[in-house]
Each structure stands twice: as structure tokens, then as C-alpha cells.
Amino acid sequence: QVQLVESGGGSVQAGGSLRLSCAAFGYTVSHYCMGWFRQAPGKEREGVASIYTGSGSTYYADSVKGRFTISQDNAKNTLYLQMNSLKPEDTALYYCAADYRRSVCMSATQALGALNYKHRGQGTQVTVSS
């Protein structure tokens, strides 16, 4: 059974950094399409970043380009999201998602679409104060 467990969220001041982790259980992260998503109260769910772990190919939302970096550690079976230069508008519940289908990562629209993924975690809260 696939299970994703996020950690690393917290409260930080604007301009600060956080690194989120997503530990995967029940499968190996290599050759999977994986992504980070976020949802703030009253707002639609937003795709933040994705990676196809077989090739390292990534996509980012325009709102986080240059500030966030998605990466994987196959040895630890873990996905990461390094978040720098955080802004109050980054405040949200962040969760990771995974899908074995390569096709999910074939385009930015597909890869950053939360509903396209078969598995997701429960999320970790990120709060950025001004």
C-alpha cells in the first residue's frame, strides 16, 4: 500500500526558508511522477512543483520559480521541496502526491494538476508571517 508522509512545515518570517520532506512507503520513488501541491483557506488547490524521478525532469508554478526547488533522494525514498525567499502568500497546507504513470509528468499542465495523481499525503502546514 502506497503511503506518503510529509514533514518539515512550520512558521517562518517572510524571506525565510523551509525544507519539506515527503517520505514514501510501499513503493520506491524512482521512476514515479511526484509533485508538491498546496491549498490555502478559501483558495483553489495549486500545483507547486513536480518531478519525474526517472529523469529528474521538473516543472514549477510561475509563482515559485526561482524560489522553490524540488528534489528526490532515492536512497532515502524521499521527495523534498526546498523553499527559499518565502512570502506570506506561500502560506498553505502543502502535500505531496505520487503516480506511477509516466504520462502524468509529460506536461506542466498534467504534472501540476493535483487531480491527476493517484496517491497523496495528509499534508504539512506552512505559515509565513510578514
Protein backbone atom coordinates (compact mmCIF):
# COMPACT_ATOMS: atom_id res chain seq x y z
CA GLN A 1 0.00 0.00 0.00
CA VAL A 2 1.40 3.37 -1.02
CA GLN A 3 1.74 5.88 1.79
CA LEU A 4 3.16 9.39 1.70
CA VAL A 5 4.11 11.23 4.89
CA GLU A 6 5.05 14.90 4.80
CA SER A 7 7.10 16.78 7.38
CA GLY A 8 9.07 19.98 7.73
CA GLY A 9 6.32 22.54 7.81
CA GLY A 10 6.22 25.33 10.35
CA SER A 11 6.08 29.05 10.90
CA VAL A 12 8.66 31.38 9.42
CA GLN A 13 9.02 35.06 8.72
CA ALA A 14 8.92 36.43 5.20
CA GLY A 15 12.25 35.94 3.48
CA GLY A 16 12.98 32.78 5.41
CA SER A 17 13.39 29.19 4.24
CA LEU A 18 11.91 25.79 4.93
CA ARG A 19 12.55 22.34 3.54
CA LEU A 20 9.62 19.97 3.27
CA SER A 21 10.10 16.22 3.13
CA CYS A 22 7.81 13.53 1.80
CA ALA A 23 8.70 10.01 2.85
CA ALA A 24 7.29 7.29 0.63
CA PHE A 25 6.28 3.86 1.86
CA GLY A 26 5.08 0.86 -0.07
CA TYR A 27 6.93 1.67 -3.28
CA THR A 28 10.24 3.10 -4.45
CA VAL A 29 10.28 6.72 -5.62
CA SER A 30 12.44 6.01 -8.65
CA HIS A 31 10.50 6.18 -11.93
CA TYR A 32 7.46 7.85 -10.46
CA CYS A 33 5.82 11.15 -11.19
CA MET A 34 5.75 13.10 -7.91
CA GLY A 35 4.60 16.56 -7.04
CA TRP A 36 4.06 19.13 -4.34
CA PHE A 37 0.74 20.91 -4.06
CA ARG A 38 -0.71 23.47 -1.69
CA GLN A 39 -4.06 24.77 -0.63
CA ALA A 40 -4.78 27.88 1.36
CA PRO A 41 -8.12 28.52 3.08
CA GLY A 42 -10.65 29.81 0.58
CA LYS A 43 -8.37 29.22 -2.37
CA GLU A 44 -8.13 26.56 -5.02
CA ARG A 45 -5.59 23.80 -4.79
CA GLU A 46 -2.40 24.78 -6.61
CA GLY A 47 0.34 22.71 -8.15
CA VAL A 48 3.71 23.95 -6.91
CA ALA A 49 6.33 21.67 -8.42
CA SER A 50 6.68 18.24 -9.95
CA ILE A 51 9.44 15.83 -10.85
CA TYR A 52 9.67 12.67 -12.83
CA THR A 53 12.08 10.74 -10.67
CA GLY A 54 13.30 8.57 -13.53
CA SER A 55 14.87 11.50 -15.38
CA GLY A 56 14.79 14.40 -12.93
CA SER A 57 12.63 16.45 -15.26
CA THR A 58 10.82 19.18 -13.32
CA TYR A 59 8.02 21.69 -13.66
CA TYR A 60 7.32 24.68 -11.41
CA ALA A 61 4.41 27.02 -10.95
CA ASP A 62 5.28 30.55 -12.07
CA SER A 63 4.61 31.80 -8.54
CA VAL A 64 7.51 29.77 -7.10
CA LYS A 65 10.06 29.67 -9.93
CA GLY A 66 13.48 30.71 -8.74
CA ARG A 67 12.49 30.30 -5.07
CA PHE A 68 11.48 26.64 -4.67
CA THR A 69 13.40 23.53 -5.68
CA ILE A 70 12.01 20.01 -5.88
CA SER A 71 14.39 17.09 -5.49
CA GLN A 72 14.48 13.42 -4.65
CA ASP A 73 16.71 11.08 -2.68
CA ASN A 74 16.20 7.57 -3.99
CA ALA A 75 18.32 6.04 -1.23
CA LYS A 76 16.01 7.55 1.39
CA ASN A 77 12.89 7.09 -0.73
CA THR A 78 12.07 10.71 -0.06
CA LEU A 79 10.93 13.74 -2.00
CA TYR A 80 11.92 17.25 -0.93
CA LEU A 81 10.79 20.81 -1.52
CA GLN A 82 13.33 23.48 -0.63
CA MET A 83 11.53 26.77 -0.20
CA ASN A 84 13.53 29.99 -0.08
CA SER A 85 12.55 33.66 0.00
CA LEU A 86 9.19 32.72 1.44
CA LYS A 87 6.31 35.17 1.16
CA PRO A 88 3.08 35.47 3.16
CA GLU A 89 1.18 34.29 0.09
CA ASP A 90 3.03 30.97 0.33
CA THR A 91 1.05 30.19 3.48
CA ALA A 92 -0.89 26.99 2.88
CA LEU A 93 -1.22 23.31 3.62
CA TYR A 94 1.42 21.58 1.49
CA TYR A 95 1.12 17.97 0.48
CA CYS A 96 2.93 15.62 -1.84
CA ALA A 97 1.44 13.30 -4.41
CA ALA A 98 2.69 10.39 -6.48
CA ASP A 99 1.66 8.40 -9.51
CA TYR A 100 3.40 5.51 -11.25
CA ARG A 101 2.25 6.69 -14.70
CA ARG A 102 4.98 8.46 -16.64
CA SER A 103 2.26 10.26 -18.62
CA VAL A 104 1.30 12.37 -15.60
CA CYS A 105 4.66 14.13 -15.85
CA MET A 106 4.60 14.64 -19.63
CA SER A 107 3.49 18.28 -19.49
CA ALA A 108 3.33 21.09 -16.97
CA THR A 109 -0.47 21.12 -17.11
CA GLN A 110 -0.63 17.42 -16.33
CA ALA A 111 2.15 17.40 -13.76
CA LEU A 112 0.82 20.38 -11.80
CA GLY A 113 -2.75 19.11 -11.80
CA ALA A 114 -3.47 17.71 -8.35
CA LEU A 115 -6.37 15.56 -9.51
CA ASN A 116 -4.11 13.65 -11.88
CA TYR A 117 -2.26 11.84 -9.12
CA LYS A 118 -3.31 8.53 -7.67
CA HIS A 119 -1.76 8.93 -4.20
CA ARG A 120 -1.37 11.88 -1.84
CA GLY A 121 -0.28 12.53 1.72
CA GLN A 122 -2.07 14.34 4.52
CA GLY A 123 -0.03 17.49 4.29
CA THR A 124 2.12 19.77 6.42
CA GLN A 125 1.24 23.37 7.28
CA VAL A 126 3.45 26.25 6.21
CA THR A 127 2.79 29.68 7.67
CA VAL A 128 4.73 32.74 6.56
CA SER A 129 4.34 35.95 8.52
CA SER A 130 5.13 39.43 7.24
